[in-house]
Protein backbone atom coordinates (compact mmCIF):
# COMPACT_ATOMS: atom_id res chain seq x y z
CA MET A 1 77.16 138.82 65.65
CA ALA A 2 80.12 136.47 65.93
CA LEU A 3 83.43 137.57 64.41
CA GLY A 4 86.20 135.28 63.23
CA GLN A 5 86.10 131.77 61.82
CA ARG A 6 85.96 128.14 62.88
CA ASP A 7 86.96 127.67 66.52
CA HIS A 8 88.17 131.28 66.86
CA LEU A 9 84.96 133.25 67.35
CA TYR A 10 84.54 136.55 69.20
CA GLU A 11 81.96 139.17 70.04
CA VAL A 12 82.53 142.88 70.59
CA VAL A 13 82.08 144.27 74.10
CA GLU A 14 80.68 147.58 72.89
CA GLY A 15 81.64 150.69 74.84
CA TRP A 16 84.26 148.93 76.99
CA GLY A 17 86.00 151.60 79.11
CA ARG A 18 84.63 154.40 76.97
CA HIS A 19 83.26 156.44 79.88
CA PHE A 20 86.72 156.87 81.37
CA TYR A 21 88.75 158.26 78.47
CA SER A 22 88.23 160.69 75.63
CA PRO A 23 87.06 158.93 72.46
CA TYR A 24 88.94 161.56 70.44
CA VAL A 25 92.50 160.57 71.33
CA ASP A 26 94.70 157.97 69.71
CA VAL A 27 95.16 154.66 71.53
CA THR A 28 98.58 153.69 70.28
CA SER A 29 99.13 150.47 72.24
CA VAL A 30 97.56 148.08 74.74
CA GLY A 31 99.07 145.64 77.25
CA VAL A 32 97.80 143.23 79.89
CA ASP A 33 99.53 141.92 83.02
CA SER A 34 99.33 138.61 84.90
CA GLU A 35 96.17 139.73 86.73
CA ASP A 36 94.42 140.75 83.48
CA THR A 37 94.83 144.42 84.34
CA VAL A 38 94.77 146.36 81.07
CA TYR A 39 97.23 149.19 80.29
CA ILE A 40 96.17 151.56 77.53
CA LEU A 41 98.71 153.93 75.98
CA THR A 42 97.16 157.14 74.68
CA ARG A 43 98.27 160.51 73.39
CA SER A 44 96.50 162.43 76.12
CA VAL A 45 97.35 164.29 79.32
CA ASP A 46 97.93 161.08 81.28
CA PRO A 47 99.28 158.73 78.62
CA VAL A 48 98.83 155.44 80.53
CA LEU A 49 95.30 154.52 81.60
CA VAL A 50 94.93 151.40 83.74
CA PHE A 51 91.68 149.39 83.70
CA ASP A 52 90.34 146.21 85.19
CA SER A 53 88.91 143.60 82.84
CA ARG A 54 85.40 145.07 83.22
CA GLY A 55 86.53 148.40 81.82
CA ILE A 56 86.65 150.31 85.13
CA LEU A 57 89.44 152.89 85.36
CA LEU A 58 91.83 152.11 88.23
CA ARG A 59 94.51 154.79 87.80
CA SER A 60 96.44 156.83 85.25
CA TRP A 61 100.02 158.00 85.00
CA GLY A 62 102.90 158.99 82.71
CA ARG A 63 102.47 162.71 82.10
CA LYS A 64 105.91 163.52 83.56
CA TYR A 65 107.75 160.97 81.44
CA LEU A 66 106.12 160.38 78.05
CA THR A 67 106.05 163.00 75.30
CA TRP A 68 104.79 161.19 72.16
CA PRO A 69 103.91 157.61 73.18
CA HIS A 70 103.99 154.83 70.62
CA GLY A 71 104.39 151.28 71.99
CA LEU A 72 103.65 149.54 75.30
CA SER A 73 104.50 146.02 76.49
CA VAL A 74 104.19 144.21 79.80
CA GLY A 75 107.15 142.13 80.96
CA PRO A 76 107.04 138.73 82.69
CA ASP A 77 107.33 140.48 86.08
CA ASP A 78 104.50 142.91 85.17
CA SER A 79 106.87 145.82 84.57
CA ILE A 80 105.61 148.23 81.91
CA TYR A 81 107.82 149.21 78.95
CA CYS A 82 106.99 152.18 76.71
CA THR A 83 108.61 153.50 73.55
CA ASP A 84 108.53 157.25 73.11
CA GLY A 85 108.98 159.67 70.24
CA ASP A 86 111.69 161.46 72.23
CA HIS A 87 113.97 158.55 71.14
CA THR A 88 113.81 156.59 74.39
CA VAL A 89 112.47 153.36 75.87
CA LYS A 90 111.27 153.62 79.47
CA LYS A 91 110.58 150.94 82.06
CA PHE A 92 107.97 151.56 84.79
CA THR A 93 106.36 149.79 87.70
CA SER A 94 102.66 149.05 87.28
CA GLU A 95 102.01 152.17 89.40
CA GLY A 96 103.99 154.43 87.06
CA GLU A 97 107.31 154.72 88.88
CA LEU A 98 110.17 155.15 86.40
CA LEU A 99 112.75 152.38 86.79
CA MET A 100 115.02 152.67 83.74
CA THR A 101 115.49 154.75 80.61
CA LEU A 102 117.28 153.56 77.48
CA GLY A 103 118.47 156.31 75.14
CA ARG A 104 118.66 160.05 75.75
CA SER A 105 115.60 162.22 75.44
CA GLY A 106 115.74 164.45 72.37
CA LEU A 107 118.91 162.88 70.95
CA HIS A 108 118.58 160.45 68.06
CA SER A 109 121.10 158.27 66.26
CA ASP A 110 122.55 159.23 62.88
CA THR A 111 120.76 157.28 60.14
CA GLY A 112 120.64 160.06 57.55
CA CYS A 113 116.86 160.14 57.91
CA ILE A 114 115.02 163.37 57.11
CA ASP A 115 113.18 164.64 60.19
CA ARG A 116 109.99 166.45 59.19
CA GLY A 117 109.73 168.00 62.65
CA PHE A 118 107.75 167.14 65.79
CA PRO A 119 105.02 166.00 66.07
CA GLU A 120 105.35 164.58 62.56
CA PHE A 121 107.28 161.34 62.41
CA PRO A 122 110.70 161.07 60.76
CA ASP A 123 110.33 159.95 57.16
CA TYR A 124 111.25 156.25 57.27
CA ARG A 125 111.60 156.26 53.46
CA THR A 126 114.68 158.47 53.75
CA VAL A 127 116.73 156.27 56.11
CA LYS A 128 120.17 155.89 54.51
CA ARG A 129 121.82 153.49 56.94
CA GLY A 130 121.12 151.45 60.03
CA ALA A 131 122.51 152.90 63.24
CA GLY A 132 122.50 152.40 66.98
CA PRO A 133 119.66 153.17 69.40
CA PHE A 134 117.37 155.10 68.85
CA TYR A 135 115.56 157.14 66.21
CA PHE A 136 111.90 157.03 67.19
CA PRO A 137 111.62 153.45 68.49
CA THR A 138 108.25 151.87 67.89
CA ASP A 139 107.84 148.86 70.20
CA VAL A 140 109.57 146.64 72.76
CA ALA A 141 109.34 142.92 73.60
CA VAL A 142 110.66 141.05 76.63
CA ASP A 143 111.71 137.39 76.47
CA LYS A 144 111.52 134.88 79.32
CA GLU A 145 115.10 135.74 80.42
CA GLY A 146 114.23 139.43 80.65
CA ASN A 147 116.16 140.47 77.52
CA LEU A 148 114.62 143.38 75.63
CA TYR A 149 114.10 143.59 71.87
CA VAL A 150 113.33 147.06 70.52
CA SER A 151 112.02 147.79 67.02
CA ASP A 152 113.69 151.06 66.02
CA GLY A 153 111.36 152.02 63.38
CA TYR A 154 110.45 155.46 62.08
CA GLY A 155 113.91 156.97 61.77
CA ASN A 156 115.92 153.74 61.74
CA ALA A 157 115.55 150.22 60.32
CA ARG A 158 116.98 148.00 63.04
CA ILE A 159 116.21 145.70 65.92
CA HIS A 160 118.23 146.18 69.12
CA LYS A 161 118.65 143.54 71.82
CA PHE A 162 119.41 144.60 75.40
CA SER A 163 120.08 142.67 78.58
CA ARG A 164 117.59 143.03 81.42
CA ASP A 165 119.79 145.74 82.97
CA GLY A 166 119.91 147.79 79.76
CA LYS A 167 123.23 146.74 78.21
CA LEU A 168 123.15 146.71 74.40
CA LEU A 169 123.95 143.17 73.26
CA LEU A 170 123.49 143.34 69.49
CA SER A 171 121.63 145.06 66.64
CA TRP A 172 120.57 143.90 63.20
CA GLY A 173 118.84 145.23 60.09
CA GLU A 174 119.16 147.80 57.34
CA LEU A 175 116.69 149.61 55.10
CA GLY A 176 115.44 147.34 52.33
CA SER A 177 113.20 144.45 51.37
CA GLU A 178 115.62 141.53 51.47
CA LYS A 179 115.53 138.97 54.28
CA GLY A 180 116.61 140.62 57.51
CA GLN A 181 116.06 144.12 56.16
CA PHE A 182 113.19 146.41 57.15
CA ILE A 183 111.04 149.25 55.98
CA LEU A 184 109.53 150.50 59.22
CA PRO A 185 109.77 147.72 61.80
CA HIS A 186 106.66 148.67 63.75
CA GLY A 187 105.74 145.93 66.25
CA ILE A 188 107.67 143.14 67.95
CA CYS A 189 107.16 140.17 70.27
CA ALA A 190 109.11 137.12 71.43
CA ASP A 191 107.84 133.62 72.24
CA ARG A 192 108.98 131.25 74.98
CA ASP A 193 111.36 129.51 72.57
CA GLY A 194 113.23 132.74 71.90
CA ILE A 195 111.82 133.37 68.42
CA VAL A 196 111.38 137.08 67.67
CA TYR A 197 108.49 138.22 65.46
CA VAL A 198 108.75 141.62 63.76
CA ALA A 199 105.91 143.48 62.04
CA ASP A 200 107.84 144.81 59.03
CA ARG A 201 105.05 147.20 58.12
CA GLU A 202 105.92 148.72 54.76
CA ASN A 203 107.28 145.42 53.44
CA CYS A 204 103.87 143.86 54.20
CA ARG A 205 105.34 140.94 56.10
CA ILE A 206 106.13 139.45 59.47
CA GLN A 207 109.76 138.40 59.82
CA LEU A 208 110.93 135.71 62.24
CA PHE A 209 114.41 135.64 63.81
CA ASP A 210 116.22 133.65 66.46
CA SER A 211 117.49 135.36 69.58
CA GLU A 212 120.77 136.26 67.85
CA GLY A 213 119.07 138.02 64.95
CA ARG A 214 119.39 135.21 62.41
CA PHE A 215 116.57 135.15 59.86
CA LEU A 216 114.21 132.16 60.09
CA ASP A 217 111.09 132.84 58.03
CA GLN A 218 108.67 135.46 56.73
CA TRP A 219 104.88 135.55 56.40
CA ARG A 220 102.70 137.80 54.32
CA ALA A 221 100.57 140.41 56.15
CA ASN A 222 98.79 143.57 55.01
CA ARG A 223 100.94 146.34 56.54
CA PRO A 224 101.16 144.77 60.02
CA THR A 225 101.37 147.22 62.90
CA ASP A 226 101.56 145.00 65.98
CA VAL A 227 102.17 141.36 66.90
CA PHE A 228 101.26 139.52 70.10
CA ILE A 229 101.85 135.87 70.93
CA LYS A 230 99.59 133.86 73.23
CA ASP A 231 99.24 130.10 73.73
CA GLY A 232 101.06 129.20 70.53
CA GLU A 233 99.18 131.64 68.30
CA LEU A 234 100.24 134.98 66.82
CA TYR A 235 97.76 137.87 66.82
CA VAL A 236 98.38 140.62 64.26
CA THR A 237 96.81 144.01 63.56
CA GLU A 238 96.95 144.87 59.85
CA LEU A 239 96.60 148.50 58.83
CA GLY A 240 95.90 147.75 55.19
CA PHE A 241 95.75 150.47 52.57
CA PRO A 242 92.95 152.92 53.34
CA ALA A 243 91.81 154.89 50.28
CA LEU A 244 89.83 157.70 51.82
CA TYR A 245 88.50 159.04 48.55
CA LEU A 246 87.07 155.61 47.69
CA ARG A 247 85.94 154.84 51.26
CA LEU A 248 87.84 151.59 50.86
CA PHE A 249 89.37 150.10 53.99
CA THR A 250 91.21 146.83 54.31
CA ALA A 251 92.26 146.90 57.97
CA HIS A 252 91.99 143.54 59.73
CA LEU A 253 92.83 141.56 62.81
CA SER A 254 94.39 138.19 61.98
CA ILE A 255 95.32 135.14 64.03
CA PHE A 256 98.12 132.88 62.77
CA ASN A 257 99.37 129.55 63.98
CA LEU A 258 103.13 129.24 64.38
CA LYS A 259 103.52 127.71 60.95
CA GLY A 260 102.27 130.93 59.37
CA LYS A 261 98.74 129.78 58.52
CA ILE A 262 95.77 132.03 59.16
CA LEU A 263 93.33 130.65 61.72
CA ALA A 264 90.92 133.59 61.72
CA ARG A 265 90.63 137.08 60.28
CA TRP A 266 88.00 139.81 60.43
CA GLY A 267 87.52 143.47 59.54
CA GLY A 268 87.54 145.11 56.13
CA GLY A 269 83.96 146.37 56.26
CA ASP A 270 82.52 149.63 57.58
CA SER A 271 85.68 150.81 59.34
CA CYS A 272 83.94 152.61 62.21
CA ALA A 273 81.33 149.93 62.85
CA PRO A 274 81.77 147.66 65.89
CA GLY A 275 84.08 144.79 65.07
CA HIS A 276 85.76 146.54 62.17
CA PHE A 277 88.85 148.74 62.09
CA PHE A 278 89.93 152.13 60.81
CA ALA A 279 93.59 152.27 61.88
CA PRO A 280 94.47 149.36 64.22
CA HIS A 281 97.79 150.07 65.86
CA GLY A 282 98.28 147.90 68.95
CA LEU A 283 96.80 144.80 70.57
CA CYS A 284 97.08 142.33 73.43
CA VAL A 285 95.33 139.17 74.65
CA ASP A 286 94.38 138.38 78.27
CA SER A 287 94.30 135.07 80.11
CA GLU A 288 90.68 134.45 79.10
CA GLY A 289 91.48 134.89 75.42
CA SER A 290 89.87 138.32 75.12
CA ILE A 291 91.56 140.63 72.59
CA TYR A 292 92.04 144.38 73.05
CA VAL A 293 92.77 146.53 69.98
CA GLY A 294 93.77 150.20 70.05
CA GLU A 295 93.48 152.49 67.03
CA VAL A 296 95.06 155.80 65.97
CA VAL A 297 91.91 157.28 64.51
CA THR A 298 92.75 160.92 65.23
CA SER A 299 96.12 160.73 63.46
CA SER A 300 94.37 158.94 60.59
CA VAL A 301 91.65 161.61 60.25
CA ALA A 302 88.74 159.33 61.07
CA SER A 303 85.24 160.40 61.99
CA LEU A 304 84.83 161.58 65.59
CA GLU A 305 82.30 158.79 66.02
CA CYS A 306 84.91 156.12 65.24
CA HIS A 307 86.12 153.82 68.02
CA THR A 308 89.67 154.06 69.36
CA LEU A 309 89.57 150.93 71.51
CA GLN A 310 87.69 147.65 71.21
CA LYS A 311 87.49 144.53 73.36
CA PHE A 312 86.67 141.20 71.71
CA LEU A 313 85.36 138.49 74.03
CA ARG A 314 86.25 134.93 73.07
CA ILE A 315 83.19 132.74 72.49
CA ARG A 316 84.08 129.40 74.05
CA GLY A 317 82.69 125.95 73.36
CA GLN A 318 82.65 126.25 69.57
CA PRO A 319 83.36 122.97 67.76
CA ILE A 320 86.41 122.70 65.53
CA ALA A 321 85.02 122.39 62.04
CA ASP A 322 87.41 119.83 60.63
CA GLU A 323 91.01 118.70 60.50
CA LYS A 324 91.86 121.37 57.95
CA SER A 325 90.83 124.20 60.25
CA ARG A 326 92.50 122.51 63.26
CA ASN A 327 95.81 122.72 61.43
CA GLY A 328 95.19 126.35 60.57
CA GLU A 329 95.06 125.83 56.83
CA SER A 330 93.68 128.79 54.94
CA GLU A 331 92.65 129.46 51.40
CA GLN A 332 94.79 132.60 51.52
CA PRO A 333 98.53 131.85 51.48
CA THR A 334 100.69 133.62 54.03
CA LYS A 335 104.14 132.38 53.04
CA MET A 336 106.21 134.87 51.13
CA GLU A 337 107.36 133.83 47.69
CA GLU A 338 111.10 133.34 47.39
């Protein structure tokens, strides 16, 4: 069964990689390098699992360095960046050699946030003020110059920009719902023009900034958890609002054009069925257009039969339906009301 709409159609590669990792652990993030090697960040003994595009395990690493993994990104030079619940961001080679650490393990900034205690997350609702790096950073993005943008998310409400060698250049954001404010900045990416996209999860929006932190725009999304840009399109995982007692799930994967219009969206059905989502948390797209989505099903108390990782293969050669779909126009508005 094809998933998506118009000229963005996909099929699930069922069971991809499943024989090589436990289906009962959270997959918090996914990244892909220039050779389409796939890096899966899990909360298991070896946090980083490395696969080829067929789903064959190549290697694993990270147990010495990562305590409570959250986000993973691949830089332009194929370096691997991970955010960790010990209040650090770490840079690795593709083989798992530690190259750089930002922040100090176990020491967080002073935001006034109430810490519920490990392994529970800090309560982002109690952040009183924005502060410096870090208080449980959530994700990292690398621009074409090698600058790093870190969403500092669960115990803070800021974005931090670093030079390629780890020097803090600037920070922006406070707790709130106004433009440039955040309630749990959860995912982040940067395009080749220097525009930074932030999944402002609990404000149900994606915020756009220039490279100096100046607000540009905002788009509506249903509790976005991760953002990934590829070939002029923005891919977004949306957690939605699961109501367990009603068995109602609204988690989706959405594809936007860079004007904020939805090109395709799917999910929202039987959350543990192939092609649907229970708790989508991280995603990436390879050179062939295939999408990988990781889910935190254990943390979200899903059924043990529920998937934690899915690969969606792009179905090529589909005609563009009409001019309206080519321009990414959607019946559902994505622009935020002023």
